[in-house]
């Protein structure tokens, strides 16, 4: 391999590393800002969730994972309860032996 080829290789390698590093830094800064904005919006909607989230960062990893899972389970249970209530409400409007698709909407 000639000396000129070696210089071109290392020059391209260094230029690629500089461009790639700069691009990664810019993208990371943009994504970090977007994430911080999203977290601020969530905290504004429900301040207690923000407090719980901050408390998670001050605890050991195992405790954080456990509490995060517990919060997710609570959210899932609330969603299941809401759907269950909707289903019970809609099933009460169905006449015995009737077809729910043939019901008229109430005003």
C-alpha atoms as a PDB file:
ATOM      1  CA  UNK A   1       0.000   0.000   0.000  1.00  0.00           C
ATOM      2  CA  UNK A   2       1.409   3.362  -0.931  1.00  0.00           C
ATOM      3  CA  UNK A   3       1.988   6.176   1.525  1.00  0.00           C
ATOM      4  CA  UNK A   4      -0.639   8.337  -0.223  1.00  0.00           C
ATOM      5  CA  UNK A   5      -3.325   5.650   0.242  1.00  0.00           C
ATOM      6  CA  UNK A   6      -2.519   5.400   3.952  1.00  0.00           C
ATOM      7  CA  UNK A   7      -2.828   9.176   4.340  1.00  0.00           C
ATOM      8  CA  UNK A   8      -6.161   9.212   2.503  1.00  0.00           C
ATOM      9  CA  UNK A   9      -7.475   6.403   4.679  1.00  0.00           C
ATOM     10  CA  UNK A  10      -6.543   8.089   7.961  1.00  0.00           C
ATOM     11  CA  UNK A  11      -7.701  11.481   6.731  1.00  0.00           C
ATOM     12  CA  UNK A  12     -11.077  10.050   5.779  1.00  0.00           C
ATOM     13  CA  UNK A  13     -11.275   8.133   9.033  1.00  0.00           C
ATOM     14  CA  UNK A  14     -10.614  11.250  11.111  1.00  0.00           C
ATOM     15  CA  UNK A  15     -12.988  13.393   9.051  1.00  0.00           C
ATOM     16  CA  UNK A  16     -15.714  10.738   9.405  1.00  0.00           C
ATOM     17  CA  UNK A  17     -15.137  10.514  13.152  1.00  0.00           C
ATOM     18  CA  UNK A  18     -15.402  14.293  13.523  1.00  0.00           C
ATOM     19  CA  UNK A  19     -18.552  14.544  11.396  1.00  0.00           C
ATOM     20  CA  UNK A  20     -20.138  11.524  13.081  1.00  0.00           C
ATOM     21  CA  UNK A  21     -19.310  12.762  16.578  1.00  0.00           C
ATOM     22  CA  UNK A  22     -20.650  16.228  15.859  1.00  0.00           C
ATOM     23  CA  UNK A  23     -23.852  14.805  14.372  1.00  0.00           C
ATOM     24  CA  UNK A  24     -24.327  12.510  17.376  1.00  0.00           C
ATOM     25  CA  UNK A  25     -23.834  15.416  19.790  1.00  0.00           C
ATOM     26  CA  UNK A  26     -26.392  17.589  17.988  1.00  0.00           C
ATOM     27  CA  UNK A  27     -28.974  14.796  17.754  1.00  0.00           C
ATOM     28  CA  UNK A  28     -28.479  13.898  21.427  1.00  0.00           C
ATOM     29  CA  UNK A  29     -28.961  17.516  22.482  1.00  0.00           C
ATOM     30  CA  UNK A  30     -32.167  17.796  20.450  1.00  0.00           C
ATOM     31  CA  UNK A  31     -33.589  14.519  21.773  1.00  0.00           C
ATOM     32  CA  UNK A  32     -32.654  15.400  25.346  1.00  0.00           C
ATOM     33  CA  UNK A  33     -34.423  18.751  25.050  1.00  0.00           C
ATOM     34  CA  UNK A  34     -37.530  17.069  23.613  1.00  0.00           C
ATOM     35  CA  UNK A  35     -37.544  14.510  26.415  1.00  0.00           C
ATOM     36  CA  UNK A  36     -37.162  17.206  29.067  1.00  0.00           C
ATOM     37  CA  UNK A  37     -40.024  19.175  27.492  1.00  0.00           C
ATOM     38  CA  UNK A  38     -42.221  16.060  27.443  1.00  0.00           C
ATOM     39  CA  UNK A  39     -41.437  15.320  31.095  1.00  0.00           C
ATOM     40  CA  UNK A  40     -42.266  18.922  32.037  1.00  0.00           C
ATOM     41  CA  UNK A  41     -45.599  18.640  30.203  1.00  0.00           C
ATOM     42  CA  UNK A  42     -46.415  15.400  32.018  1.00  0.00           C
ATOM     43  CA  UNK A  43     -45.523  16.913  35.357  1.00  0.00           C
ATOM     44  CA  UNK A  44     -47.711  19.934  34.596  1.00  0.00           C
ATOM     45  CA  UNK A  45     -50.651  17.605  33.905  1.00  0.00           C
ATOM     46  CA  UNK A  46     -50.191  15.619  37.108  1.00  0.00           C
ATOM     47  CA  UNK A  47     -47.637  17.007  39.574  1.00  0.00           C
ATOM     48  CA  UNK A  48     -47.805  13.918  41.800  1.00  0.00           C
ATOM     49  CA  UNK A  49     -46.498  11.720  38.973  1.00  0.00           C
ATOM     50  CA  UNK A  50     -43.491  14.020  38.652  1.00  0.00           C
ATOM     51  CA  UNK A  51     -42.779  13.725  42.363  1.00  0.00           C
ATOM     52  CA  UNK A  52     -43.029   9.947  42.177  1.00  0.00           C
ATOM     53  CA  UNK A  53     -40.729   9.908  39.153  1.00  0.00           C
ATOM     54  CA  UNK A  54     -38.125  12.051  40.926  1.00  0.00           C
ATOM     55  CA  UNK A  55     -38.288   9.753  43.950  1.00  0.00           C
ATOM     56  CA  UNK A  56     -37.613   6.785  41.666  1.00  0.00           C
ATOM     57  CA  UNK A  57     -34.302   8.311  40.582  1.00  0.00           C
ATOM     58  CA  UNK A  58     -33.082   8.543  44.199  1.00  0.00           C
ATOM     59  CA  UNK A  59     -33.606   4.839  44.948  1.00  0.00           C
ATOM     60  CA  UNK A  60     -31.600   1.725  44.161  1.00  0.00           C
ATOM     61  CA  UNK A  61     -32.258   0.168  40.743  1.00  0.00           C
ATOM     62  CA  UNK A  62     -34.314  -2.780  42.056  1.00  0.00           C
ATOM     63  CA  UNK A  63     -36.642  -0.538  44.039  1.00  0.00           C
ATOM     64  CA  UNK A  64     -37.095   1.793  41.082  1.00  0.00           C
ATOM     65  CA  UNK A  65     -38.032  -1.086  38.815  1.00  0.00           C
ATOM     66  CA  UNK A  66     -40.456  -2.506  41.384  1.00  0.00           C
ATOM     67  CA  UNK A  67     -42.184   0.836  41.971  1.00  0.00           C
ATOM     68  CA  UNK A  68     -42.337   1.539  38.247  1.00  0.00           C
ATOM     69  CA  UNK A  69     -43.991  -1.828  37.683  1.00  0.00           C
ATOM     70  CA  UNK A  70     -46.424  -1.186  40.532  1.00  0.00           C
ATOM     71  CA  UNK A  71     -47.396   2.145  38.948  1.00  0.00           C
ATOM     72  CA  UNK A  72     -47.939   0.430  35.594  1.00  0.00           C
ATOM     73  CA  UNK A  73     -50.098  -2.238  37.251  1.00  0.00           C
ATOM     74  CA  UNK A  74     -52.230   0.453  38.899  1.00  0.00           C
ATOM     75  CA  UNK A  75     -52.678   2.183  35.532  1.00  0.00           C
ATOM     76  CA  UNK A  76     -53.630  -1.104  33.875  1.00  0.00           C
ATOM     77  CA  UNK A  77     -56.130  -1.903  36.622  1.00  0.00           C
ATOM     78  CA  UNK A  78     -57.720   1.533  36.219  1.00  0.00           C
ATOM     79  CA  UNK A  79     -57.986   1.037  32.462  1.00  0.00           C
ATOM     80  CA  UNK A  80     -59.502  -2.427  32.938  1.00  0.00           C
ATOM     81  CA  UNK A  81     -62.027  -1.048  35.438  1.00  0.00           C
ATOM     82  CA  UNK A  82     -63.001   1.756  33.039  1.00  0.00           C
ATOM     83  CA  UNK A  83     -63.522  -0.668  30.150  1.00  0.00           C
ATOM     84  CA  UNK A  84     -65.417  -3.052  32.402  1.00  0.00           C
ATOM     85  CA  UNK A  85     -67.769  -0.269  33.485  1.00  0.00           C
ATOM     86  CA  UNK A  86     -68.329   0.737  29.862  1.00  0.00           C
ATOM     87  CA  UNK A  87     -69.065  -2.865  28.924  1.00  0.00           C
ATOM     88  CA  UNK A  88     -71.513  -3.265  31.813  1.00  0.00           C
ATOM     89  CA  UNK A  89     -73.245  -0.037  30.846  1.00  0.00           C
ATOM     90  CA  UNK A  90     -73.629  -1.097  27.229  1.00  0.00           C
ATOM     91  CA  UNK A  91     -74.786  -4.611  28.116  1.00  0.00           C
ATOM     92  CA  UNK A  92     -77.615  -3.198  30.253  1.00  0.00           C
ATOM     93  CA  UNK A  93     -79.094  -1.527  27.146  1.00  0.00           C
ATOM     94  CA  UNK A  94     -79.342  -4.842  25.256  1.00  0.00           C
ATOM     95  CA  UNK A  95     -82.797  -6.464  25.456  1.00  0.00           C
ATOM     96  CA  UNK A  96     -82.832 -10.035  26.702  1.00  0.00           C
ATOM     97  CA  UNK A  97     -81.991 -12.261  23.763  1.00  0.00           C
ATOM     98  CA  UNK A  98     -81.576  -9.152  21.586  1.00  0.00           C
ATOM     99  CA  UNK A  99     -78.836  -8.230  19.218  1.00  0.00           C
ATOM    100  CA  UNK A 100     -76.751  -5.249  20.427  1.00  0.00           C
ATOM    101  CA  UNK A 101     -76.101  -4.117  16.861  1.00  0.00           C
ATOM    102  CA  UNK A 102     -79.819  -3.531  16.241  1.00  0.00           C
ATOM    103  CA  UNK A 103     -80.332  -1.167  19.202  1.00  0.00           C
ATOM    104  CA  UNK A 104     -81.475   2.359  18.571  1.00  0.00           C
ATOM    105  CA  UNK A 105     -79.403   5.098  20.105  1.00  0.00           C
ATOM    106  CA  UNK A 106     -81.040   6.912  22.962  1.00  0.00           C
ATOM    107  CA  UNK A 107     -81.303  10.700  22.804  1.00  0.00           C
END
